[in-house]
Amino acid sequence: MAAEQDLKLDNGGGAAEEAPKSKKKLIIIIIIAVLVLVLAGAGIGAALFFMGGDEEAGAEGDEAAVEEVVEEPAIPAQYVVLKPEFVVSFQVGPRQRFLQLNIEVMTRKQAVVDALNLHEPMVRNDIIRIIGEQNFDYLRTAEGRVALQEQLLKHIAQLVQREAGTDGVEAVLFTDFVMQ
């Protein structure tokens, strides 16, 4: 009988020890859940504060957005293809090298398109001259092609400004660039 009482006491004592541990786990879980909710609320509040602000600031932001949309160009981009392609020869050491290049000029103004078409012989002459002045080995690099593109853009924009009195040449695009 004494053995049974010892067993009962051991069982009862074990159950009493498990109850406080489970309460500790429950308290820790509750504290973590509360912290997560507080942090989530603070994050949502901060997001609403920075994104929404007050209604007056939101109305001013909407007006600014409308103004930005109005400032976008209404005219789509136009591309002037300079045909035929440009072929320029280079003397590199004892060898003859060639560059074949197709060029398109991007603009949004019809006056620039008209000026490029009217003055195409002068534009082509200047492009061939500028390309011929380049170093063939430098043109083989990406930096060389970008530098040539920027130089042609600057020169064509100046030419259109001088001859037609308008600006608006936005980009010079290489649609084909073959070196041999």
N, C-alpha and C. Protein backbone atom coordinates (compact mmCIF):
# COMPACT_ATOMS: atom_id res chain seq x y z
N MET A 1 0.79 -1.19 0.00
CA MET A 1 0.00 0.00 0.00
C MET A 1 0.83 1.26 0.00
N ALA A 2 1.87 1.19 0.72
CA ALA A 2 2.75 2.34 0.74
C ALA A 2 3.31 2.60 -0.64
N ALA A 3 3.53 1.53 -1.37
CA ALA A 3 4.05 1.69 -2.72
C ALA A 3 3.03 2.36 -3.61
N GLU A 4 1.72 2.04 -3.37
CA GLU A 4 0.69 2.68 -4.17
C GLU A 4 0.59 4.16 -3.86
N GLN A 5 0.74 4.50 -2.60
CA GLN A 5 0.67 5.91 -2.21
C GLN A 5 1.86 6.68 -2.80
N ASP A 6 3.03 6.04 -2.82
CA ASP A 6 4.20 6.68 -3.41
C ASP A 6 3.97 6.93 -4.90
N LEU A 7 3.36 5.94 -5.54
CA LEU A 7 3.09 6.09 -6.97
C LEU A 7 2.11 7.22 -7.21
N LYS A 8 1.09 7.28 -6.38
CA LYS A 8 0.10 8.33 -6.56
C LYS A 8 0.71 9.70 -6.31
N LEU A 9 1.59 9.76 -5.34
CA LEU A 9 2.22 11.03 -5.07
C LEU A 9 3.15 11.43 -6.20
N ASP A 10 3.86 10.43 -6.77
CA ASP A 10 4.75 10.74 -7.89
C ASP A 10 3.95 11.21 -9.10
N ASN A 11 2.84 10.54 -9.37
CA ASN A 11 2.00 10.95 -10.50
C ASN A 11 1.42 12.34 -10.28
N GLY A 12 0.98 12.59 -9.10
CA GLY A 12 0.41 13.89 -8.78
C GLY A 12 1.45 14.96 -8.82
N GLY A 13 2.65 14.66 -8.36
CA GLY A 13 3.73 15.63 -8.36
C GLY A 13 4.18 15.94 -9.78
N GLY A 14 4.18 14.94 -10.65
CA GLY A 14 4.58 15.14 -12.05
C GLY A 14 3.60 16.02 -12.78
N ALA A 15 2.32 15.85 -12.52
CA ALA A 15 1.30 16.67 -13.17
C ALA A 15 1.38 18.10 -12.68
N ALA A 16 1.73 18.26 -11.43
CA ALA A 16 1.83 19.61 -10.88
C ALA A 16 3.02 20.33 -11.50
N GLU A 17 4.11 19.62 -11.83
CA GLU A 17 5.27 20.26 -12.42
C GLU A 17 5.00 20.64 -13.88
N GLU A 18 4.21 19.86 -14.62
CA GLU A 18 3.92 20.14 -16.03
C GLU A 18 3.02 21.36 -16.20
N ALA A 19 2.14 21.60 -15.29
CA ALA A 19 1.21 22.71 -15.40
C ALA A 19 1.93 24.06 -15.41
N PRO A 20 2.90 24.32 -14.55
CA PRO A 20 3.59 25.60 -14.62
C PRO A 20 4.39 25.76 -15.91
N LYS A 21 4.97 24.69 -16.41
CA LYS A 21 5.72 24.80 -17.65
C LYS A 21 4.81 25.17 -18.81
N SER A 22 3.65 24.56 -18.87
CA SER A 22 2.74 24.88 -19.96
C SER A 22 2.23 26.31 -19.83
N LYS A 23 2.08 26.81 -18.62
CA LYS A 23 1.67 28.20 -18.43
C LYS A 23 2.77 29.15 -18.89
N LYS A 24 4.03 28.78 -18.67
CA LYS A 24 5.14 29.62 -19.13
C LYS A 24 5.16 29.68 -20.65
N LYS A 25 4.95 28.54 -21.29
CA LYS A 25 4.91 28.51 -22.75
C LYS A 25 3.75 29.35 -23.28
N LEU A 26 2.60 29.23 -22.64
CA LEU A 26 1.43 29.99 -23.05
C LEU A 26 1.67 31.48 -22.90
N ILE A 27 2.29 31.90 -21.81
CA ILE A 27 2.58 33.32 -21.59
C ILE A 27 3.56 33.83 -22.64
N ILE A 28 4.59 33.05 -22.95
CA ILE A 28 5.57 33.46 -23.98
C ILE A 28 4.90 33.59 -25.33
N ILE A 29 4.04 32.66 -25.70
CA ILE A 29 3.32 32.71 -26.98
C ILE A 29 2.42 33.94 -27.03
N ILE A 30 1.75 34.24 -25.96
CA ILE A 30 0.86 35.42 -25.92
C ILE A 30 1.68 36.70 -26.07
N ILE A 31 2.82 36.78 -25.39
CA ILE A 31 3.66 37.97 -25.48
C ILE A 31 4.18 38.15 -26.91
N ILE A 32 4.61 37.07 -27.54
CA ILE A 32 5.09 37.14 -28.93
C ILE A 32 3.97 37.57 -29.87
N ALA A 33 2.77 37.03 -29.68
CA ALA A 33 1.64 37.40 -30.52
C ALA A 33 1.31 38.88 -30.38
N VAL A 34 1.34 39.38 -29.14
CA VAL A 34 1.05 40.80 -28.90
C VAL A 34 2.11 41.67 -29.57
N LEU A 35 3.38 41.27 -29.45
CA LEU A 35 4.44 42.05 -30.09
C LEU A 35 4.29 42.07 -31.60
N VAL A 36 3.94 40.93 -32.18
CA VAL A 36 3.74 40.87 -33.64
C VAL A 36 2.59 41.79 -34.05
N LEU A 37 1.51 41.77 -33.30
CA LEU A 37 0.38 42.65 -33.63
C LEU A 37 0.75 44.12 -33.49
N VAL A 38 1.51 44.47 -32.47
CA VAL A 38 1.92 45.86 -32.27
C VAL A 38 2.83 46.31 -33.41
N LEU A 39 3.79 45.46 -33.77
CA LEU A 39 4.70 45.81 -34.87
C LEU A 39 3.97 45.90 -36.20
N ALA A 40 3.03 45.00 -36.45
CA ALA A 40 2.26 45.05 -37.69
C ALA A 40 1.42 46.33 -37.73
N GLY A 41 0.81 46.68 -36.61
CA GLY A 41 0.02 47.92 -36.55
C GLY A 41 0.88 49.14 -36.79
N ALA A 42 2.08 49.14 -36.20
CA ALA A 42 2.98 50.28 -36.39
C ALA A 42 3.43 50.36 -37.86
N GLY A 43 3.68 49.23 -38.46
CA GLY A 43 4.08 49.22 -39.88
C GLY A 43 2.97 49.72 -40.78
N ILE A 44 1.75 49.28 -40.54
CA ILE A 44 0.61 49.74 -41.33
C ILE A 44 0.38 51.24 -41.12
N GLY A 45 0.50 51.68 -39.86
CA GLY A 45 0.33 53.10 -39.58
C GLY A 45 1.38 53.94 -40.28
N ALA A 46 2.63 53.48 -40.25
CA ALA A 46 3.71 54.21 -40.92
C ALA A 46 3.48 54.24 -42.43
N ALA A 47 3.05 53.11 -43.00
CA ALA A 47 2.80 53.06 -44.44
C ALA A 47 1.68 54.03 -44.82
N LEU A 48 0.61 54.06 -44.04
CA LEU A 48 -0.49 54.98 -44.33
C LEU A 48 -0.04 56.43 -44.18
N PHE A 49 0.79 56.68 -43.18
CA PHE A 49 1.28 58.05 -42.97
C PHE A 49 2.11 58.52 -44.16
N PHE A 50 3.05 57.68 -44.60
CA PHE A 50 3.94 58.10 -45.68
C PHE A 50 3.26 58.06 -47.04
N MET A 51 2.37 57.14 -47.25
CA MET A 51 1.72 57.03 -48.56
C MET A 51 0.52 57.95 -48.69
N GLY A 52 -0.29 57.97 -47.65
CA GLY A 52 -1.53 58.72 -47.74
C GLY A 52 -1.42 60.13 -47.25
N GLY A 53 -0.82 60.29 -46.10
CA GLY A 53 -0.77 61.61 -45.49
C GLY A 53 -2.17 62.09 -45.17
N ASP A 54 -2.36 63.37 -45.01
CA ASP A 54 -3.70 63.89 -44.81
C ASP A 54 -4.37 64.10 -46.17
N GLU A 55 -5.66 64.33 -46.14
CA GLU A 55 -6.41 64.42 -47.39
C GLU A 55 -6.00 65.62 -48.24
N GLU A 56 -5.65 66.74 -47.60
CA GLU A 56 -5.24 67.92 -48.37
C GLU A 56 -3.96 67.65 -49.14
N ALA A 57 -2.99 67.00 -48.49
CA ALA A 57 -1.73 66.68 -49.16
C ALA A 57 -1.99 65.69 -50.28
N GLY A 58 -2.93 64.75 -50.06
CA GLY A 58 -3.26 63.78 -51.10
C GLY A 58 -3.86 64.48 -52.32
N ALA A 59 -4.69 65.49 -52.09
CA ALA A 59 -5.29 66.22 -53.20
C ALA A 59 -4.22 66.98 -53.97
N GLU A 60 -3.27 67.58 -53.24
CA GLU A 60 -2.18 68.28 -53.93
C GLU A 60 -1.33 67.31 -54.72
N GLY A 61 -1.08 66.12 -54.18
CA GLY A 61 -0.30 65.10 -54.88
C GLY A 61 -1.00 64.65 -56.15
N ASP A 62 -2.36 64.54 -56.10
CA ASP A 62 -3.11 64.16 -57.28
C ASP A 62 -3.01 65.24 -58.36
N GLU A 63 -3.05 66.51 -57.96
CA GLU A 63 -2.92 67.59 -58.93
C GLU A 63 -1.54 67.57 -59.57
N ALA A 64 -0.52 67.30 -58.79
CA ALA A 64 0.84 67.22 -59.34
C ALA A 64 0.95 66.06 -60.31
N ALA A 65 0.30 64.94 -59.98
CA ALA A 65 0.33 63.79 -60.89
C ALA A 65 -0.36 64.13 -62.20
N VAL A 66 -1.47 64.88 -62.12
CA VAL A 66 -2.18 65.27 -63.33
C VAL A 66 -1.30 66.20 -64.17
N GLU A 67 -0.60 67.12 -63.51
CA GLU A 67 0.28 68.03 -64.23
C GLU A 67 1.41 67.27 -64.93
N GLU A 68 1.95 66.26 -64.28
CA GLU A 68 3.02 65.47 -64.88
C GLU A 68 2.52 64.75 -66.11
N VAL A 69 1.32 64.22 -66.06
CA VAL A 69 0.76 63.52 -67.20
C VAL A 69 0.56 64.47 -68.36
N VAL A 70 0.14 65.69 -68.07
CA VAL A 70 -0.08 66.69 -69.11
C VAL A 70 1.24 67.05 -69.79
N GLU A 71 2.35 67.04 -69.04
CA GLU A 71 3.63 67.44 -69.59
C GLU A 71 4.24 66.39 -70.52
N GLU A 72 3.73 65.15 -70.49
CA GLU A 72 4.27 64.12 -71.37
C GLU A 72 4.01 64.50 -72.82
N PRO A 73 4.95 64.17 -73.70
CA PRO A 73 4.78 64.54 -75.10
C PRO A 73 3.57 63.82 -75.72
N ALA A 74 2.76 64.60 -76.40
CA ALA A 74 1.58 64.05 -77.04
C ALA A 74 1.93 63.43 -78.39
N ILE A 75 3.04 63.86 -78.95
CA ILE A 75 3.44 63.38 -80.27
C ILE A 75 4.31 62.13 -80.09
N PRO A 76 4.01 61.06 -80.79
CA PRO A 76 4.84 59.87 -80.66
C PRO A 76 6.21 60.07 -81.33
N ALA A 77 7.14 59.24 -80.95
CA ALA A 77 8.48 59.32 -81.53
C ALA A 77 8.44 58.96 -83.00
N GLN A 78 9.26 59.68 -83.77
CA GLN A 78 9.40 59.40 -85.20
C GLN A 78 10.85 59.04 -85.45
N TYR A 79 11.06 58.09 -86.35
CA TYR A 79 12.41 57.64 -86.65
C TYR A 79 12.71 57.92 -88.12
N VAL A 80 13.79 58.65 -88.34
CA VAL A 80 14.23 58.96 -89.70
C VAL A 80 15.36 57.97 -90.02
N VAL A 81 15.10 57.11 -91.01
CA VAL A 81 16.09 56.12 -91.40
C VAL A 81 17.00 56.75 -92.45
N LEU A 82 18.28 56.73 -92.19
CA LEU A 82 19.25 57.28 -93.15
C LEU A 82 19.69 56.12 -94.05
N LYS A 83 19.08 56.04 -95.21
CA LYS A 83 19.36 54.97 -96.17
C LYS A 83 20.16 55.52 -97.31
N PRO A 84 21.01 54.80 -97.93
CA PRO A 84 21.44 53.44 -97.63
C PRO A 84 22.38 53.44 -96.43
N GLU A 85 22.80 52.25 -96.02
CA GLU A 85 23.67 52.13 -94.85
C GLU A 85 25.02 52.79 -95.14
N PHE A 86 25.72 53.11 -94.09
CA PHE A 86 27.03 53.75 -94.20
C PHE A 86 28.09 52.65 -94.22
N VAL A 87 29.02 52.75 -95.15
CA VAL A 87 30.15 51.85 -95.21
C VAL A 87 31.41 52.71 -95.23
N VAL A 88 32.24 52.53 -94.22
CA VAL A 88 33.45 53.33 -94.08
C VAL A 88 34.64 52.37 -93.99
N SER A 89 35.70 52.69 -94.72
CA SER A 89 36.89 51.84 -94.67
C SER A 89 37.94 52.46 -93.75
N PHE A 90 38.70 51.59 -93.10
CA PHE A 90 39.77 51.99 -92.19
C PHE A 90 41.04 51.25 -92.60
N GLN A 91 42.16 51.94 -92.53
CA GLN A 91 43.45 51.29 -92.75
C GLN A 91 44.03 50.96 -91.38
N VAL A 92 44.04 49.68 -91.02
CA VAL A 92 44.54 49.25 -89.72
C VAL A 92 45.79 48.42 -89.98
N GLY A 93 46.93 49.05 -89.76
CA GLY A 93 48.20 48.38 -90.07
C GLY A 93 48.25 48.10 -91.57
N PRO A 94 48.62 46.89 -91.94
CA PRO A 94 48.67 46.55 -93.38
C PRO A 94 47.31 46.14 -93.94
N ARG A 95 46.28 46.03 -93.07
CA ARG A 95 44.99 45.51 -93.53
C ARG A 95 43.95 46.60 -93.72
N GLN A 96 43.08 46.36 -94.65
CA GLN A 96 41.93 47.23 -94.90
C GLN A 96 40.75 46.69 -94.08
N ARG A 97 40.14 47.52 -93.25
CA ARG A 97 39.00 47.12 -92.42
C ARG A 97 37.80 47.97 -92.81
N PHE A 98 36.59 47.42 -92.54
CA PHE A 98 35.36 48.10 -92.92
C PHE A 98 34.38 48.14 -91.75
N LEU A 99 33.60 49.19 -91.76
CA LEU A 99 32.50 49.34 -90.81
C LEU A 99 31.24 49.60 -91.62
N GLN A 100 30.23 48.76 -91.41
CA GLN A 100 28.93 48.96 -92.04
C GLN A 100 27.95 49.33 -90.93
N LEU A 101 27.21 50.41 -91.14
CA LEU A 101 26.41 50.98 -90.06
C LEU A 101 25.08 51.48 -90.59
N ASN A 102 23.99 51.05 -89.97
CA ASN A 102 22.66 51.60 -90.26
C ASN A 102 22.31 52.53 -89.12
N ILE A 103 21.87 53.73 -89.46
CA ILE A 103 21.58 54.76 -88.45
C ILE A 103 20.15 55.25 -88.61
N GLU A 104 19.48 55.42 -87.45
CA GLU A 104 18.17 56.06 -87.42
C GLU A 104 18.22 57.19 -86.40
N VAL A 105 17.54 58.27 -86.70
CA VAL A 105 17.50 59.44 -85.82
C VAL A 105 16.09 59.54 -85.24
N MET A 106 16.00 59.64 -83.91
CA MET A 106 14.70 59.72 -83.24
C MET A 106 14.39 61.17 -82.89
N THR A 107 13.15 61.56 -83.16
CA THR A 107 12.66 62.89 -82.83
C THR A 107 11.17 62.83 -82.59
N ARG A 108 10.61 63.88 -82.06
CA ARG A 108 9.16 63.97 -81.88
C ARG A 108 8.59 65.16 -82.65
N LYS A 109 9.43 65.85 -83.40
CA LYS A 109 8.99 67.04 -84.12
C LYS A 109 9.06 66.81 -85.63
N GLN A 110 7.99 67.19 -86.29
CA GLN A 110 7.95 67.03 -87.74
C GLN A 110 8.94 67.96 -88.42
N ALA A 111 9.22 69.11 -87.83
CA ALA A 111 10.19 70.04 -88.42
C ALA A 111 11.58 69.41 -88.48
N VAL A 112 11.93 68.61 -87.49
CA VAL A 112 13.23 67.93 -87.50
C VAL A 112 13.25 66.87 -88.58
N VAL A 113 12.17 66.13 -88.74
CA VAL A 113 12.08 65.11 -89.80
C VAL A 113 12.24 65.77 -91.16
N ASP A 114 11.56 66.89 -91.37
CA ASP A 114 11.66 67.61 -92.64
C ASP A 114 13.08 68.12 -92.88
N ALA A 115 13.71 68.65 -91.83
CA ALA A 115 15.08 69.16 -91.97
C ALA A 115 16.06 68.04 -92.28
N LEU A 116 15.90 66.89 -91.64
CA LEU A 116 16.79 65.76 -91.92
C LEU A 116 16.62 65.25 -93.34
N ASN A 117 15.39 65.22 -93.82
CA ASN A 117 15.15 64.77 -95.19
C ASN A 117 15.68 65.79 -96.21
N LEU A 118 15.50 67.07 -95.93
CA LEU A 118 15.96 68.10 -96.84
C LEU A 118 17.49 68.16 -96.90
N HIS A 119 18.14 68.03 -95.76
CA HIS A 119 19.59 68.18 -95.68
C HIS A 119 20.31 66.84 -95.56
N GLU A 120 19.69 65.79 -96.06
CA GLU A 120 20.28 64.45 -95.94
C GLU A 120 21.67 64.34 -96.54
N PRO A 121 21.96 64.92 -97.70
CA PRO A 121 23.34 64.81 -98.22
C PRO A 121 24.38 65.39 -97.26
N MET A 122 24.08 66.55 -96.64
CA MET A 122 25.01 67.15 -95.71
C MET A 122 25.15 66.29 -94.44
N VAL A 123 24.03 65.75 -93.98
CA VAL A 123 24.04 64.90 -92.79
C VAL A 123 24.88 63.65 -93.06
N ARG A 124 24.66 63.01 -94.21
CA ARG A 124 25.41 61.79 -94.55
C ARG A 124 26.91 62.09 -94.68
N ASN A 125 27.24 63.20 -95.31
CA ASN A 125 28.65 63.58 -95.46
C ASN A 125 29.32 63.75 -94.10
N ASP A 126 28.66 64.46 -93.20
CA ASP A 126 29.23 64.70 -91.88
C ASP A 126 29.35 63.40 -91.07
N ILE A 127 28.37 62.52 -91.21
CA ILE A 127 28.43 61.24 -90.49
C ILE A 127 29.61 60.41 -90.99
N ILE A 128 29.80 60.34 -92.30
CA ILE A 128 30.92 59.57 -92.85
C ILE A 128 32.25 60.18 -92.41
N ARG A 129 32.32 61.50 -92.40
CA ARG A 129 33.55 62.17 -91.97
C ARG A 129 33.85 61.85 -90.50
N ILE A 130 32.85 61.94 -89.65
CA ILE A 130 33.03 61.69 -88.21
C ILE A 130 33.42 60.23 -87.97
N ILE A 131 32.77 59.31 -88.64
CA ILE A 131 33.10 57.89 -88.46
C ILE A 131 34.52 57.62 -88.95
N GLY A 132 34.90 58.21 -90.06
CA GLY A 132 36.24 58.00 -90.61
C GLY A 132 37.34 58.51 -89.70
N GLU A 133 37.06 59.46 -88.85
CA GLU A 133 38.05 60.01 -87.93
C GLU A 133 38.25 59.13 -86.69
N GLN A 134 37.40 58.12 -86.51
CA GLN A 134 37.46 57.29 -85.31
C GLN A 134 38.58 56.26 -85.40
N ASN A 135 38.99 55.78 -84.23
CA ASN A 135 39.97 54.70 -84.14
C ASN A 135 39.21 53.37 -84.26
N PHE A 136 39.59 52.53 -85.21
CA PHE A 136 38.89 51.28 -85.48
C PHE A 136 38.88 50.38 -84.25
N ASP A 137 40.00 50.26 -83.58
CA ASP A 137 40.07 49.38 -82.40
C ASP A 137 39.20 49.90 -81.26
N TYR A 138 39.11 51.22 -81.12
CA TYR A 138 38.26 51.81 -80.08
C TYR A 138 36.78 51.58 -80.39
N LEU A 139 36.41 51.60 -81.68
CA LEU A 139 35.03 51.36 -82.06
C LEU A 139 34.60 49.92 -81.78
N ARG A 140 35.55 49.02 -81.61
CA ARG A 140 35.22 47.62 -81.31
C ARG A 140 34.74 47.46 -79.87
N THR A 141 35.00 48.44 -79.03
CA THR A 141 34.56 48.36 -77.64
C THR A 141 33.18 49.00 -77.48
N ALA A 142 32.51 48.63 -76.42
CA ALA A 142 31.19 49.22 -76.14
C ALA A 142 31.30 50.71 -75.88
N GLU A 143 32.37 51.12 -75.18
CA GLU A 143 32.57 52.54 -74.89
C GLU A 143 32.78 53.32 -76.18
N GLY A 144 33.49 52.73 -77.12
CA GLY A 144 33.73 53.40 -78.40
C GLY A 144 32.45 53.63 -79.18
N ARG A 145 31.57 52.62 -79.17
CA ARG A 145 30.29 52.77 -79.89
C ARG A 145 29.42 53.82 -79.22
N VAL A 146 29.40 53.83 -77.89
CA VAL A 146 28.59 54.83 -77.17
C VAL A 146 29.15 56.23 -77.42
N ALA A 147 30.47 56.36 -77.41
CA ALA A 147 31.08 57.68 -77.66
C ALA A 147 30.76 58.16 -79.07
N LEU A 148 30.81 57.25 -80.04
CA LEU A 148 30.46 57.62 -81.42
C LEU A 148 29.00 58.04 -81.50
N GLN A 149 28.14 57.31 -80.82
CA GLN A 149 26.72 57.64 -80.82
C GLN A 149 26.48 59.03 -80.24
N GLU A 150 27.12 59.34 -79.15
CA GLU A 150 26.96 60.66 -78.53
C GLU A 150 27.53 61.77 -79.41
N GLN A 151 28.65 61.50 -80.05
CA GLN A 151 29.25 62.51 -80.93
C GLN A 151 28.34 62.77 -82.13
N LEU A 152 27.78 61.72 -82.71
CA LEU A 152 26.86 61.91 -83.84
C LEU A 152 25.59 62.64 -83.40
N LEU A 153 25.06 62.31 -82.23
CA LEU A 153 23.87 62.99 -81.73
C LEU A 153 24.13 64.48 -81.58
N LYS A 154 25.24 64.82 -80.97
CA LYS A 154 25.57 66.23 -80.77
C LYS A 154 25.73 66.96 -82.11
N HIS A 155 26.43 66.34 -83.04
CA HIS A 155 26.67 66.99 -84.33
C HIS A 155 25.38 67.12 -85.15
N ILE A 156 24.56 66.08 -85.19
CA ILE A 156 23.30 66.15 -85.96
C ILE A 156 22.36 67.18 -85.34
N ALA A 157 22.31 67.26 -84.01
CA ALA A 157 21.45 68.25 -83.35
C ALA A 157 21.92 69.66 -83.70
N GLN A 158 23.23 69.89 -83.72
CA GLN A 158 23.76 71.20 -84.09
C GLN A 158 23.44 71.53 -85.55
N LEU A 159 23.57 70.53 -86.41
CA LEU A 159 23.30 70.74 -87.84
C LEU A 159 21.83 71.11 -88.06
N VAL A 160 20.92 70.39 -87.41
CA VAL A 160 19.49 70.68 -87.56
C VAL A 160 19.17 72.06 -86.98
N GLN A 161 19.78 72.39 -85.87
CA GLN A 161 19.56 73.71 -85.27
C GLN A 161 20.04 74.82 -86.22
N ARG A 162 21.21 74.63 -86.81
CA ARG A 162 21.78 75.63 -87.70
C ARG A 162 20.98 75.77 -88.99
N GLU A 163 20.58 74.67 -89.58
CA GLU A 163 19.92 74.70 -90.89
C GLU A 163 18.42 74.95 -90.82
N ALA A 164 17.76 74.43 -89.80
CA ALA A 164 16.30 74.55 -89.72
C ALA A 164 15.83 75.46 -88.60
N GLY A 165 16.74 75.82 -87.69
CA GLY A 165 16.36 76.70 -86.60
C GLY A 165 15.49 76.02 -85.56
N THR A 166 15.55 74.72 -85.46
CA THR A 166 14.76 73.99 -84.48
C THR A 166 15.61 72.92 -83.82
N ASP A 167 15.25 72.61 -82.59
CA ASP A 167 15.93 71.50 -81.93
C ASP A 167 14.92 70.39 -81.70
N GLY A 168 15.39 69.24 -81.30
CA GLY A 168 14.46 68.13 -81.07
C GLY A 168 15.02 66.79 -81.50
N VAL A 169 16.30 66.73 -81.84
CA VAL A 169 16.92 65.44 -82.12
C VAL A 169 17.16 64.79 -80.77
N GLU A 170 16.47 63.69 -80.50
CA GLU A 170 16.54 63.06 -79.18
C GLU A 170 17.57 61.95 -79.11
N ALA A 171 17.75 61.19 -80.19
CA ALA A 171 18.67 60.06 -80.13
C ALA A 171 19.15 59.69 -81.52
N VAL A 172 20.36 59.15 -81.54
CA VAL A 172 20.90 58.53 -82.74
C VAL A 172 21.04 57.05 -82.42
N LEU A 173 20.37 56.23 -83.20
CA LEU A 173 20.32 54.80 -82.93
C LEU A 173 21.07 54.02 -84.00
N PHE A 174 21.87 53.06 -83.57
CA PHE A 174 22.56 52.17 -84.50
C PHE A 174 21.69 50.90 -84.60
N THR A 175 21.09 50.68 -85.76
CA THR A 175 20.26 49.50 -85.94
C THR A 175 21.05 48.35 -86.53
N ASP A 176 22.25 48.63 -87.01
CA ASP A 176 23.13 47.60 -87.52
C ASP A 176 24.55 48.14 -87.39
N PHE A 177 25.44 47.33 -86.85
CA PHE A 177 26.82 47.77 -86.60
C PHE A 177 27.72 46.58 -86.87
N VAL A 178 28.32 46.52 -88.06
CA VAL A 178 29.13 45.37 -88.45
C VAL A 178 30.55 45.86 -88.76
N MET A 179 31.51 45.20 -88.11
CA MET A 179 32.91 45.55 -88.32
C MET A 179 33.63 44.31 -88.84
N GLN A 180 34.48 44.50 -89.89
CA GLN A 180 35.31 43.38 -90.36
C GLN A 180 36.69 43.86 -90.73
